[in-house]
C-alpha atoms as a PDB file:
ATOM      1  CA  MET A   1      25.763 -97.764-190.749  1.00  0.00           C
ATOM      2  CA  ALA A   2      24.935 -99.872-193.805  1.00  0.00           C
ATOM      3  CA  GLN A   3      21.659 -98.007-194.397  1.00  0.00           C
ATOM      4  CA  THR A   4      23.419 -94.666-193.946  1.00  0.00           C
ATOM      5  CA  LYS A   5      25.984 -95.691-196.546  1.00  0.00           C
ATOM      6  CA  ILE A   6      23.236 -96.617-199.000  1.00  0.00           C
ATOM      7  CA  TYR A   7      21.285 -93.394-198.525  1.00  0.00           C
ATOM      8  CA  ARG A   8      24.235 -91.003-198.436  1.00  0.00           C
ATOM      9  CA  ARG A   9      26.620 -92.636-200.889  1.00  0.00           C
ATOM     10  CA  THR A  10      25.259 -95.412-203.078  1.00  0.00           C
ATOM     11  CA  ILE A  11      21.968 -93.848-204.160  1.00  0.00           C
ATOM     12  CA  PRO A  12      23.396 -90.350-204.942  1.00  0.00           C
ATOM     13  CA  VAL A  13      26.305 -91.854-206.903  1.00  0.00           C
ATOM     14  CA  PHE A  14      23.925 -94.097-208.853  1.00  0.00           C
ATOM     15  CA  VAL A  15      21.546 -91.233-209.694  1.00  0.00           C
ATOM     16  CA  VAL A  16      24.347 -88.923-210.821  1.00  0.00           C
ATOM     17  CA  SER A  17      25.938 -91.709-212.870  1.00  0.00           C
ATOM     18  CA  PHE A  18      22.607 -92.483-214.551  1.00  0.00           C
ATOM     19  CA  PHE A  19      22.005 -88.862-215.549  1.00  0.00           C
ATOM     20  CA  MET A  20      25.599 -88.510-216.744  1.00  0.00           C
ATOM     21  CA  ALA A  21      25.357 -91.682-218.858  1.00  0.00           C
ATOM     22  CA  ILE A  22      22.164 -90.469-220.561  1.00  0.00           C
ATOM     23  CA  THR A  23      23.679 -87.046-221.277  1.00  0.00           C
ATOM     24  CA  LEU A  24      26.893 -88.545-222.651  1.00  0.00           C
ATOM     25  CA  ALA A  25      24.957 -90.938-224.856  1.00  0.00           C
ATOM     26  CA  ASP A  26      23.002 -88.041-226.362  1.00  0.00           C
ATOM     27  CA  TYR A  27      26.234 -86.089-226.873  1.00  0.00           C
ATOM     28  CA  PHE A  28      27.952 -88.864-228.838  1.00  0.00           C
ATOM     29  CA  GLN A  29      24.788 -90.053-230.609  1.00  0.00           C
ATOM     30  CA  PRO A  30      22.394 -87.089-230.890  1.00  0.00           C
ATOM     31  CA  LYS A  31      18.715 -87.249-231.878  1.00  0.00           C
ATOM     32  CA  MET A  32      18.140 -90.766-230.606  1.00  0.00           C
ATOM     33  CA  PRO A  33      14.406 -91.603-230.236  1.00  0.00           C
ATOM     34  CA  ILE A  34      14.467 -92.165-226.472  1.00  0.00           C
ATOM     35  CA  ILE A  35      17.718 -90.603-225.273  1.00  0.00           C
ATOM     36  CA  SER A  36      17.222 -87.115-226.737  1.00  0.00           C
ATOM     37  CA  PRO A  37      13.854 -86.416-225.027  1.00  0.00           C
ATOM     38  CA  LEU A  38      15.284 -87.687-221.742  1.00  0.00           C
ATOM     39  CA  THR A  39      18.307 -85.405-222.102  1.00  0.00           C
ATOM     40  CA  THR A  40      16.057 -82.416-222.798  1.00  0.00           C
ATOM     41  CA  THR A  41      14.004 -83.230-219.698  1.00  0.00           C
ATOM     42  CA  PHE A  42      17.106 -83.680-217.535  1.00  0.00           C
ATOM     43  CA  LEU A  43      18.532 -80.336-218.703  1.00  0.00           C
ATOM     44  CA  ALA A  44      15.221 -78.658-217.869  1.00  0.00           C
ATOM     45  CA  TRP A  45      15.365 -80.211-214.394  1.00  0.00           C
ATOM     46  CA  ALA A  46      18.939 -78.988-214.016  1.00  0.00           C
ATOM     47  CA  SER A  47      17.828 -75.449-214.922  1.00  0.00           C
ATOM     48  CA  MET A  48      15.061 -75.559-212.321  1.00  0.00           C
ATOM     49  CA  ILE A  49      17.436 -76.874-209.666  1.00  0.00           C
ATOM     50  CA  ALA A  50      19.934 -74.139-210.537  1.00  0.00           C
ATOM     51  CA  LEU A  51      17.144 -71.552-210.243  1.00  0.00           C
ATOM     52  CA  LEU A  52      16.193 -72.896-206.811  1.00  0.00           C
ATOM     53  CA  GLN A  53      19.837 -72.782-205.748  1.00  0.00           C
ATOM     54  CA  LEU A  54      20.024 -69.173-206.919  1.00  0.00           C
ATOM     55  CA  ALA A  55      16.883 -68.299-204.963  1.00  0.00           C
ATOM     56  CA  PHE A  56      18.324 -70.023-201.913  1.00  0.00           C
ATOM     57  CA  GLY A  57      21.527 -68.031-202.315  1.00  0.00           C
ATOM     58  CA  TYR A  58      19.594 -64.764-202.499  1.00  0.00           C
ATOM     59  CA  ALA A  59      17.562 -65.692-199.422  1.00  0.00           C
ATOM     60  CA  THR A  60      20.743 -66.588-197.535  1.00  0.00           C
ATOM     61  CA  LEU A  61      22.340 -63.301-198.575  1.00  0.00           C
ATOM     62  CA  VAL A  62      19.333 -61.273-197.430  1.00  0.00           C
ATOM     63  CA  ARG A  63      19.198 -63.190-194.152  1.00  0.00           C
ATOM     64  CA  LEU A  64      22.908 -62.643-193.516  1.00  0.00           C
ATOM     65  CA  HIS A  65      22.839 -58.905-194.110  1.00  0.00           C
ATOM     66  CA  GLY A  66      19.464 -58.515-192.405  1.00  0.00           C
ATOM     67  CA  THR A  67      20.834 -60.197-189.286  1.00  0.00           C
ATOM     68  CA  ARG A  68      23.829 -57.884-189.364  1.00  0.00           C
ATOM     69  CA  LEU A  69      21.608 -54.817-189.604  1.00  0.00           C
ATOM     70  CA  ALA A  70      19.435 -56.125-186.760  1.00  0.00           C
ATOM     71  CA  GLY A  71      22.485 -56.030-184.507  1.00  0.00           C
ATOM     72  CA  MET A  72      23.389 -52.491-185.515  1.00  0.00           C
ATOM     73  CA  GLY A  73      22.271 -51.164-182.130  1.00  0.00           C
ATOM     74  CA  ALA A  74      24.993 -53.130-180.375  1.00  0.00           C
ATOM     75  CA  THR A  75      27.824 -52.635-182.884  1.00  0.00           C
ATOM     76  CA  GLY A  76      27.084 -49.118-184.059  1.00  0.00           C
ATOM     77  CA  TRP A  77      27.909 -47.702-187.499  1.00  0.00           C
ATOM     78  CA  THR A  78      30.689 -49.849-188.965  1.00  0.00           C
ATOM     79  CA  ARG A  79      31.971 -50.690-192.430  1.00  0.00           C
ATOM     80  CA  PRO A  80      30.189 -54.095-192.524  1.00  0.00           C
ATOM     81  CA  ILE A  81      26.944 -52.325-191.612  1.00  0.00           C
ATOM     82  CA  PHE A  82      27.434 -49.888-194.492  1.00  0.00           C
ATOM     83  CA  LYS A  83      28.103 -52.761-196.909  1.00  0.00           C
ATOM     84  CA  SER A  84      24.981 -54.557-195.735  1.00  0.00           C
ATOM     85  CA  ILE A  85      22.878 -51.437-196.290  1.00  0.00           C
ATOM     86  CA  VAL A  86      24.257 -51.039-199.817  1.00  0.00           C
ATOM     87  CA  VAL A  87      23.660 -54.709-200.681  1.00  0.00           C
ATOM     88  CA  LEU A  88      20.103 -54.817-199.335  1.00  0.00           C
ATOM     89  CA  ALA A  89      19.177 -51.445-200.853  1.00  0.00           C
ATOM     90  CA  THR A  90      20.482 -52.521-204.259  1.00  0.00           C
ATOM     91  CA  PHE A  91      18.624 -55.816-203.992  1.00  0.00           C
ATOM     92  CA  VAL A  92      15.332 -54.139-203.099  1.00  0.00           C
ATOM     93  CA  ILE A  93      15.677 -51.411-205.761  1.00  0.00           C
ATOM     94  CA  PHE A  94      16.351 -53.864-208.570  1.00  0.00           C
ATOM     95  CA  LEU A  95      13.551 -56.097-207.333  1.00  0.00           C
ATOM     96  CA  ILE A  96      11.140 -53.163-207.546  1.00  0.00           C
ATOM     97  CA  ILE A  97      12.444 -52.102-210.962  1.00  0.00           C
ATOM     98  CA  GLY A  98      12.054 -55.621-212.290  1.00  0.00           C
ATOM     99  CA  ALA A  99       8.539 -55.981-210.870  1.00  0.00           C
ATOM    100  CA  MET A 100       7.352 -52.649-212.336  1.00  0.00           C
ATOM    101  CA  ASP A 101       7.603 -53.924-215.921  1.00  0.00           C
ATOM    102  CA  PRO A 102       6.138 -57.201-217.243  1.00  0.00           C
ATOM    103  CA  ARG A 103       9.413 -57.771-219.129  1.00  0.00           C
ATOM    104  CA  THR A 104      11.221 -57.867-215.744  1.00  0.00           C
ATOM    105  CA  SER A 105      14.975 -58.005-216.404  1.00  0.00           C
ATOM    106  CA  ASN A 106      14.470 -57.274-220.125  1.00  0.00           C
ATOM    107  CA  SER A 107      12.823 -53.913-219.498  1.00  0.00           C
ATOM    108  CA  ALA A 108      14.589 -50.756-220.628  1.00  0.00           C
ATOM    109  CA  THR A 109      14.763 -49.330-217.098  1.00  0.00           C
ATOM    110  CA  PHE A 110      16.283 -52.476-215.642  1.00  0.00           C
ATOM    111  CA  VAL A 111      18.840 -52.784-218.451  1.00  0.00           C
ATOM    112  CA  PHE A 112      19.755 -49.094-218.142  1.00  0.00           C
ATOM    113  CA  TRP A 113      20.481 -49.205-214.406  1.00  0.00           C
ATOM    114  CA  TYR A 114      22.102 -52.613-214.521  1.00  0.00           C
ATOM    115  CA  SER A 115      24.418 -51.628-217.390  1.00  0.00           C
ATOM    116  CA  ASN A 116      25.455 -48.384-215.724  1.00  0.00           C
ATOM    117  CA  LEU A 117      26.117 -49.979-212.344  1.00  0.00           C
ATOM    118  CA  VAL A 118      28.114 -52.769-213.944  1.00  0.00           C
ATOM    119  CA  SER A 119      30.135 -50.169-215.851  1.00  0.00           C
ATOM    120  CA  MET A 120      30.850 -48.295-212.629  1.00  0.00           C
ATOM    121  CA  ALA A 121      31.934 -51.535-210.974  1.00  0.00           C
ATOM    122  CA  GLY A 122      34.118 -52.238-213.998  1.00  0.00           C
ATOM    123  CA  VAL A 123      36.090 -49.063-213.310  1.00  0.00           C
ATOM    124  CA  GLY A 124      37.132 -50.446-209.932  1.00  0.00           C
ATOM    125  CA  ALA A 125      37.994 -53.800-211.473  1.00  0.00           C
ATOM    126  CA  THR A 126      40.139 -52.035-214.088  1.00  0.00           C
ATOM    127  CA  LEU A 127      42.051 -50.127-211.427  1.00  0.00           C
ATOM    128  CA  GLU A 128      42.563 -53.395-209.580  1.00  0.00           C
ATOM    129  CA  TRP A 129      44.556 -54.711-212.548  1.00  0.00           C
ATOM    130  CA  ILE A 130      47.413 -52.445-211.466  1.00  0.00           C
ATOM    131  CA  SER A 131      48.014 -54.689-208.479  1.00  0.00           C
ATOM    132  CA  HIS A 132      47.544 -57.754-210.700  1.00  0.00           C
ATOM    133  CA  TYR A 133      50.594 -56.672-212.686  1.00  0.00           C
ATOM    134  CA  SER A 134      52.797 -55.306-209.942  1.00  0.00           C
ATOM    135  CA  SER A 135      52.251 -57.849-207.149  1.00  0.00           C
ATOM    136  CA  PRO A 136      53.248 -60.998-209.101  1.00  0.00           C
ATOM    137  CA  ALA A 137      56.242 -59.208-210.592  1.00  0.00           C
ATOM    138  CA  ARG A 138      57.503 -58.274-207.128  1.00  0.00           C
ATOM    139  CA  MET A 139      56.834 -61.684-205.587  1.00  0.00           C
ATOM    140  CA  PHE A 140      57.952 -63.904-208.444  1.00  0.00           C
ATOM    141  CA  LYS A 141      61.417 -65.452-208.183  1.00  0.00           C
ATOM    142  CA  ILE A 142      63.226 -66.768-211.252  1.00  0.00           C
ATOM    143  CA  THR A 143      65.152 -69.824-210.062  1.00  0.00           C
ATOM    144  CA  SER A 144      65.021 -72.170-213.070  1.00  0.00           C
ATOM    145  CA  LEU A 145      64.419 -72.361-216.798  1.00  0.00           C
ATOM    146  CA  GLU A 146      60.778 -73.291-216.178  1.00  0.00           C
ATOM    147  CA  SER A 147      60.164 -70.292-213.918  1.00  0.00           C
ATOM    148  CA  ALA A 148      61.909 -67.976-216.403  1.00  0.00           C
ATOM    149  CA  THR A 149      59.731 -69.308-219.242  1.00  0.00           C
ATOM    150  CA  MET A 150      56.602 -68.838-217.157  1.00  0.00           C
ATOM    151  CA  PHE A 151      57.615 -65.284-216.245  1.00  0.00           C
ATOM    152  CA  VAL A 152      58.340 -64.311-219.869  1.00  0.00           C
ATOM    153  CA  THR A 153      55.041 -65.838-220.985  1.00  0.00           C
ATOM    154  CA  TRP A 154      53.156 -63.977-218.259  1.00  0.00           C
ATOM    155  CA  LEU A 155      54.876 -60.713-219.167  1.00  0.00           C
ATOM    156  CA  LEU A 156      54.070 -61.047-222.872  1.00  0.00           C
ATOM    157  CA  CYS A 157      50.424 -61.813-222.107  1.00  0.00           C
ATOM    158  CA  CYS A 158      50.257 -58.782-219.808  1.00  0.00           C
ATOM    159  CA  LEU A 159      51.748 -56.527-222.479  1.00  0.00           C
ATOM    160  CA  ARG A 160      49.168 -57.869-224.934  1.00  0.00           C
ATOM    161  CA  GLU A 161      46.394 -56.570-222.653  1.00  0.00           C
ATOM    162  CA  MET A 162      47.868 -53.052-222.396  1.00  0.00           C
ATOM    163  CA  PRO A 163      46.489 -50.787-225.158  1.00  0.00           C
ATOM    164  CA  SER A 164      49.093 -48.109-224.444  1.00  0.00           C
ATOM    165  CA  VAL A 165      51.833 -50.653-225.250  1.00  0.00           C
ATOM    166  CA  VAL A 166      50.141 -52.359-228.186  1.00  0.00           C
ATOM    167  CA  VAL A 167      49.555 -49.031-229.930  1.00  0.00           C
ATOM    168  CA  TYR A 168      53.296 -48.421-230.225  1.00  0.00           C
ATOM    169  CA  VAL A 169      54.529 -52.021-230.431  1.00  0.00           C
ATOM    170  CA  SER A 170      51.882 -54.048-232.254  1.00  0.00           C
ATOM    171  CA  GLN A 171      54.070 -57.161-232.229  1.00  0.00           C
ATOM    172  CA  PHE A 172      53.194 -57.731-228.576  1.00  0.00           C
ATOM    173  CA  GLU A 173      49.576 -58.307-229.545  1.00  0.00           C
ATOM    174  CA  GLN A 174      50.547 -60.853-232.199  1.00  0.00           C
ATOM    175  CA  ILE A 175      52.879 -62.671-229.819  1.00  0.00           C
ATOM    176  CA  GLY A 176      50.251 -62.692-227.074  1.00  0.00           C
ATOM    177  CA  ASP A 177      47.608 -63.995-229.484  1.00  0.00           C
ATOM    178  CA  TRP A 178      49.926 -66.809-230.541  1.00  0.00           C
ATOM    179  CA  ILE A 179      50.592 -67.747-226.916  1.00  0.00           C
ATOM    180  CA  MET A 180      46.871 -67.831-226.131  1.00  0.00           C
ATOM    181  CA  LYS A 181      45.921 -69.770-229.269  1.00  0.00           C
ATOM    182  CA  VAL A 182      48.733 -72.347-229.411  1.00  0.00           C
ATOM    183  CA  PRO A 183      50.578 -73.150-226.149  1.00  0.00           C
ATOM    184  CA  TYR A 184      47.742 -72.110-223.860  1.00  0.00           C
ATOM    185  CA  MET A 185      45.063 -73.967-225.798  1.00  0.00           C
ATOM    186  CA  ALA A 186      47.245 -77.069-226.054  1.00  0.00           C
ATOM    187  CA  SER A 187      47.946 -77.137-222.313  1.00  0.00           C
ATOM    188  CA  ASN A 188      44.336 -76.308-221.499  1.00  0.00           C
ATOM    189  CA  ARG A 189      43.054 -79.171-223.637  1.00  0.00           C
ATOM    190  CA  GLY A 190      45.584 -81.507-222.053  1.00  0.00           C
ATOM    191  CA  VAL A 191      44.370 -80.521-218.592  1.00  0.00           C
ATOM    192  CA  MET A 192      40.724 -80.958-219.607  1.00  0.00           C
ATOM    193  CA  ILE A 193      41.409 -84.388-221.110  1.00  0.00           C
ATOM    194  CA  ALA A 194      43.293 -85.484-217.992  1.00  0.00           C
ATOM    195  CA  ALA A 195      40.491 -84.155-215.777  1.00  0.00           C
ATOM    196  CA  GLY A 196      37.835 -85.919-217.868  1.00  0.00           C
ATOM    197  CA  VAL A 197      39.662 -89.241-217.784  1.00  0.00           C
ATOM    198  CA  GLY A 198      40.244 -88.834-214.050  1.00  0.00           C
ATOM    199  CA  ILE A 199      36.535 -88.114-213.441  1.00  0.00           C
ATOM    200  CA  VAL A 200      35.531 -91.239-215.355  1.00  0.00           C
ATOM    201  CA  ILE A 201      38.038 -93.382-213.448  1.00  0.00           C
ATOM    202  CA  LEU A 202      36.954 -91.996-210.075  1.00  0.00           C
ATOM    203  CA  SER A 203      33.292 -92.477-210.991  1.00  0.00           C
ATOM    204  CA  VAL A 204      33.847 -96.109-211.941  1.00  0.00           C
ATOM    205  CA  ARG A 205      35.849 -96.733-208.777  1.00  0.00           C
ATOM    206  CA  ALA A 206      33.107 -95.068-206.716  1.00  0.00           C
ATOM    207  CA  LEU A 207      30.435 -97.241-208.327  1.00  0.00           C
ATOM    208  CA  ILE A 208      32.296-100.464-207.517  1.00  0.00           C
ATOM    209  CA  GLY A 209      33.125 -99.260-204.006  1.00  0.00           C
ATOM    210  CA  GLN A 210      36.873 -98.869-204.481  1.00  0.00           C
ATOM    211  CA  GLU A 211      37.010 -95.075-204.117  1.00  0.00           C
ATOM    212  CA  PRO A 212      35.670 -93.979-200.714  1.00  0.00           C
ATOM    213  CA  GLY A 213      36.560 -90.310-201.081  1.00  0.00           C
ATOM    214  CA  LEU A 214      34.949 -87.553-199.034  1.00  0.00           C
ATOM    215  CA  ILE A 215      31.478 -89.110-199.116  1.00  0.00           C
ATOM    216  CA  GLU A 216      32.728 -92.294-197.460  1.00  0.00           C
ATOM    217  CA  MET A 217      34.635 -90.261-194.872  1.00  0.00           C
ATOM    218  CA  GLU A 218      31.443 -88.349-194.090  1.00  0.00           C
ATOM    219  CA  VAL A 219      29.455 -91.578-193.763  1.00  0.00           C
ATOM    220  CA  THR A 220      31.971 -93.216-191.444  1.00  0.00           C
ATOM    221  CA  GLN A 221      32.212 -90.238-189.105  1.00  0.00           C
END
């Protein structure tokens, strides 16, 4: 149990804390002789790890939909089968388009098809905003001053995003901009500061063994 705790909790926490300390030191004191090159190397490693995670995600996606298509004989033609065909066909087509040009994703053909398909998907996302407006309005209940303030703020921000309303009543855009730039930014920064302080406190407690958390629960199971 002690060795399991070291391998699964102590070493990962120490490694993450070391990388975080180096990155924070470079952030507060940039261009240091030793810290800056280390930070550049760590960020390059992070990019490679993220690329491997992306490749793993693609492989998992292909495996999932490929397995579903392999069982098509037993299930027949269903909506999930159709979705899997669309996903795999799109994946293969864009893979071929990217491989046909040395510029890969920067080629004119790839950019053309990608931009058009994203635009077509954006039409569906735009239509989905109708439910984004109507559903909260129907479900929301005003029971206090706080809930009334939140509802009015939400309504003003929604009106700010409606061109058909802003064209005739331009004040809604100004009010919405003020809400996003002043109250929203202030609350957002407060949340980020609280989250940052909380992360530091939890990290210190984890290093000294006073914050078991999910990792400790996993080790003890």
